[in-house]
């Protein structure tokens, strides 16, 4: 018997255990589905999370990243605050990094049906 045959036999033995879901998991899944249907999600939450993730990934001082949310008619304004030393990193040469951040956050908001705008505040 080769090593691959032995590995295949081992996987066959494990296969019945994979995918077994208990009753408690079914109840949690049903509750999560009900929350999404009821609309208990924060509108624009994905756009804000994406902005925070991108900003924290770019800057040196991730602790200083703060995102303020202001809701407007049919849109939301996300104000990004970073440490003064990190402003150059967030804006980039000729504003290219800032424009890329705005584009990605706008796309994340559009996935939720929200018009998200980013303002980088000093």
C-alpha atoms as a PDB file:
ATOM      1  CA  UNK A   1       0.000   0.000   0.000  1.00  0.00           C
ATOM      2  CA  UNK A   2       1.441   3.387  -0.976  1.00  0.00           C
ATOM      3  CA  UNK A   3       1.490   6.497   1.169  1.00  0.00           C
ATOM      4  CA  UNK A   4      -1.241   8.151  -0.920  1.00  0.00           C
ATOM      5  CA  UNK A   5      -3.532   5.136  -0.484  1.00  0.00           C
ATOM      6  CA  UNK A   6      -2.984   5.248   3.281  1.00  0.00           C
ATOM      7  CA  UNK A   7      -3.693   8.993   3.345  1.00  0.00           C
ATOM      8  CA  UNK A   8      -6.881   8.458   1.311  1.00  0.00           C
ATOM      9  CA  UNK A   9      -8.034   5.773   3.745  1.00  0.00           C
ATOM     10  CA  UNK A  10      -7.373   8.126   6.673  1.00  0.00           C
ATOM     11  CA  UNK A  11      -9.455  10.848   4.997  1.00  0.00           C
ATOM     12  CA  UNK A  12     -12.295   8.387   4.344  1.00  0.00           C
ATOM     13  CA  UNK A  13     -12.392   7.576   8.059  1.00  0.00           C
ATOM     14  CA  UNK A  14     -12.589  11.279   8.987  1.00  0.00           C
ATOM     15  CA  UNK A  15     -15.179  12.221   6.389  1.00  0.00           C
ATOM     16  CA  UNK A  16     -18.295  11.299   8.401  1.00  0.00           C
ATOM     17  CA  UNK A  17     -17.204  13.596  11.252  1.00  0.00           C
ATOM     18  CA  UNK A  18     -16.841  16.589   8.955  1.00  0.00           C
ATOM     19  CA  UNK A  19     -19.993  18.603   8.451  1.00  0.00           C
ATOM     20  CA  UNK A  20     -21.871  17.281  11.476  1.00  0.00           C
ATOM     21  CA  UNK A  21     -23.811  20.191  12.901  1.00  0.00           C
ATOM     22  CA  UNK A  22     -25.488  20.185  16.266  1.00  0.00           C
ATOM     23  CA  UNK A  23     -28.871  21.605  17.163  1.00  0.00           C
ATOM     24  CA  UNK A  24     -27.318  24.637  18.890  1.00  0.00           C
ATOM     25  CA  UNK A  25     -25.569  25.704  15.680  1.00  0.00           C
ATOM     26  CA  UNK A  26     -28.861  25.495  13.770  1.00  0.00           C
ATOM     27  CA  UNK A  27     -30.514  27.803  16.307  1.00  0.00           C
ATOM     28  CA  UNK A  28     -27.673  30.346  16.054  1.00  0.00           C
ATOM     29  CA  UNK A  29     -27.805  30.312  12.254  1.00  0.00           C
ATOM     30  CA  UNK A  30     -31.547  30.925  12.337  1.00  0.00           C
ATOM     31  CA  UNK A  31     -31.098  33.823  14.780  1.00  0.00           C
ATOM     32  CA  UNK A  32     -28.374  35.400  12.606  1.00  0.00           C
ATOM     33  CA  UNK A  33     -30.590  35.112   9.529  1.00  0.00           C
ATOM     34  CA  UNK A  34     -33.472  36.737  11.404  1.00  0.00           C
ATOM     35  CA  UNK A  35     -31.231  39.649  12.460  1.00  0.00           C
ATOM     36  CA  UNK A  36     -30.192  40.299   8.877  1.00  0.00           C
ATOM     37  CA  UNK A  37     -33.795  40.190   7.714  1.00  0.00           C
ATOM     38  CA  UNK A  38     -34.924  42.559  10.482  1.00  0.00           C
ATOM     39  CA  UNK A  39     -32.228  45.040   9.487  1.00  0.00           C
ATOM     40  CA  UNK A  40     -30.195  45.034  12.683  1.00  0.00           C
ATOM     41  CA  UNK A  41     -26.988  45.677  10.775  1.00  0.00           C
ATOM     42  CA  UNK A  42     -25.312  49.066  10.980  1.00  0.00           C
ATOM     43  CA  UNK A  43     -25.792  50.898   7.710  1.00  0.00           C
ATOM     44  CA  UNK A  44     -22.405  51.648   6.185  1.00  0.00           C
ATOM     45  CA  UNK A  45     -20.605  49.395   8.638  1.00  0.00           C
ATOM     46  CA  UNK A  46     -18.646  47.657   5.889  1.00  0.00           C
ATOM     47  CA  UNK A  47     -17.404  50.954   4.446  1.00  0.00           C
ATOM     48  CA  UNK A  48     -16.260  52.115   7.876  1.00  0.00           C
ATOM     49  CA  UNK A  49     -14.534  48.817   8.609  1.00  0.00           C
ATOM     50  CA  UNK A  50     -12.751  48.908   5.250  1.00  0.00           C
ATOM     51  CA  UNK A  51     -11.575  52.485   5.865  1.00  0.00           C
ATOM     52  CA  UNK A  52     -10.264  51.612   9.332  1.00  0.00           C
ATOM     53  CA  UNK A  53      -8.481  48.517   8.024  1.00  0.00           C
ATOM     54  CA  UNK A  54      -6.823  50.381   5.154  1.00  0.00           C
ATOM     55  CA  UNK A  55      -5.762  53.314   7.322  1.00  0.00           C
ATOM     56  CA  UNK A  56      -4.349  51.104  10.086  1.00  0.00           C
ATOM     57  CA  UNK A  57      -2.434  49.111   7.475  1.00  0.00           C
ATOM     58  CA  UNK A  58      -0.822  52.212   5.979  1.00  0.00           C
ATOM     59  CA  UNK A  59       0.125  54.328   9.003  1.00  0.00           C
ATOM     60  CA  UNK A  60       2.912  53.826  11.530  1.00  0.00           C
ATOM     61  CA  UNK A  61       0.774  54.757  14.555  1.00  0.00           C
ATOM     62  CA  UNK A  62      -2.296  52.510  14.149  1.00  0.00           C
ATOM     63  CA  UNK A  63      -3.601  53.496  17.588  1.00  0.00           C
ATOM     64  CA  UNK A  64      -4.201  57.069  16.442  1.00  0.00           C
ATOM     65  CA  UNK A  65      -6.569  56.117  13.597  1.00  0.00           C
ATOM     66  CA  UNK A  66     -10.093  57.374  14.296  1.00  0.00           C
ATOM     67  CA  UNK A  67     -13.063  57.267  11.920  1.00  0.00           C
ATOM     68  CA  UNK A  68     -16.030  59.564  12.595  1.00  0.00           C
ATOM     69  CA  UNK A  69     -19.302  58.858  10.799  1.00  0.00           C
ATOM     70  CA  UNK A  70     -21.761  61.555   9.781  1.00  0.00           C
ATOM     71  CA  UNK A  71     -24.970  60.456   8.112  1.00  0.00           C
ATOM     72  CA  UNK A  72     -26.460  62.647   5.426  1.00  0.00           C
ATOM     73  CA  UNK A  73     -29.396  62.297   3.066  1.00  0.00           C
ATOM     74  CA  UNK A  74     -28.759  59.131   1.102  1.00  0.00           C
ATOM     75  CA  UNK A  75     -25.048  59.073   1.937  1.00  0.00           C
ATOM     76  CA  UNK A  76     -22.571  59.038   4.742  1.00  0.00           C
ATOM     77  CA  UNK A  77     -19.406  61.039   5.347  1.00  0.00           C
ATOM     78  CA  UNK A  78     -16.504  59.147   6.908  1.00  0.00           C
ATOM     79  CA  UNK A  79     -13.920  61.472   8.449  1.00  0.00           C
ATOM     80  CA  UNK A  80     -10.496  59.884   8.867  1.00  0.00           C
ATOM     81  CA  UNK A  81      -8.212  61.248  11.597  1.00  0.00           C
ATOM     82  CA  UNK A  82      -4.573  60.081  11.770  1.00  0.00           C
ATOM     83  CA  UNK A  83      -1.443  61.254  13.579  1.00  0.00           C
ATOM     84  CA  UNK A  84       0.176  64.340  12.014  1.00  0.00           C
ATOM     85  CA  UNK A  85       3.264  62.307  11.114  1.00  0.00           C
ATOM     86  CA  UNK A  86       1.167  59.829   9.130  1.00  0.00           C
ATOM     87  CA  UNK A  87      -0.707  62.351   6.976  1.00  0.00           C
ATOM     88  CA  UNK A  88       1.820  62.043   4.175  1.00  0.00           C
ATOM     89  CA  UNK A  89       1.453  58.269   4.120  1.00  0.00           C
ATOM     90  CA  UNK A  90      -2.342  58.455   3.922  1.00  0.00           C
ATOM     91  CA  UNK A  91      -2.408  61.158   1.254  1.00  0.00           C
ATOM     92  CA  UNK A  92       0.490  59.849  -0.835  1.00  0.00           C
ATOM     93  CA  UNK A  93       2.200  61.531  -3.749  1.00  0.00           C
ATOM     94  CA  UNK A  94      -0.185  63.812  -5.579  1.00  0.00           C
ATOM     95  CA  UNK A  95      -3.036  62.351  -3.493  1.00  0.00           C
ATOM     96  CA  UNK A  96      -2.904  58.948  -5.162  1.00  0.00           C
ATOM     97  CA  UNK A  97      -3.184  56.908  -1.961  1.00  0.00           C
ATOM     98  CA  UNK A  98      -6.043  59.082  -0.711  1.00  0.00           C
ATOM     99  CA  UNK A  99      -7.872  58.673  -4.023  1.00  0.00           C
ATOM    100  CA  UNK A 100      -7.369  54.897  -3.929  1.00  0.00           C
ATOM    101  CA  UNK A 101      -8.741  54.767  -0.371  1.00  0.00           C
ATOM    102  CA  UNK A 102     -11.782  56.794  -1.430  1.00  0.00           C
ATOM    103  CA  UNK A 103     -12.405  54.479  -4.390  1.00  0.00           C
ATOM    104  CA  UNK A 104     -12.207  51.279  -2.324  1.00  0.00           C
ATOM    105  CA  UNK A 105     -14.404  52.680   0.483  1.00  0.00           C
ATOM    106  CA  UNK A 106     -16.950  53.947  -2.044  1.00  0.00           C
ATOM    107  CA  UNK A 107     -17.094  50.439  -3.574  1.00  0.00           C
ATOM    108  CA  UNK A 108     -17.509  48.858  -0.120  1.00  0.00           C
ATOM    109  CA  UNK A 109     -20.370  51.235   0.643  1.00  0.00           C
ATOM    110  CA  UNK A 110     -21.988  50.540  -2.730  1.00  0.00           C
ATOM    111  CA  UNK A 111     -22.062  46.827  -1.877  1.00  0.00           C
ATOM    112  CA  UNK A 112     -24.468  47.806   0.930  1.00  0.00           C
ATOM    113  CA  UNK A 113     -26.337  50.381  -1.125  1.00  0.00           C
ATOM    114  CA  UNK A 114     -24.742  53.326   0.709  1.00  0.00           C
ATOM    115  CA  UNK A 115     -22.998  56.295  -0.897  1.00  0.00           C
ATOM    116  CA  UNK A 116     -19.831  56.592   1.229  1.00  0.00           C
ATOM    117  CA  UNK A 117     -17.544  59.614   1.032  1.00  0.00           C
ATOM    118  CA  UNK A 118     -14.146  59.883   2.735  1.00  0.00           C
ATOM    119  CA  UNK A 119     -12.680  63.098   4.121  1.00  0.00           C
ATOM    120  CA  UNK A 120      -9.134  63.007   5.484  1.00  0.00           C
ATOM    121  CA  UNK A 121      -8.933  65.472   8.386  1.00  0.00           C
ATOM    122  CA  UNK A 122      -5.734  66.864   9.868  1.00  0.00           C
END
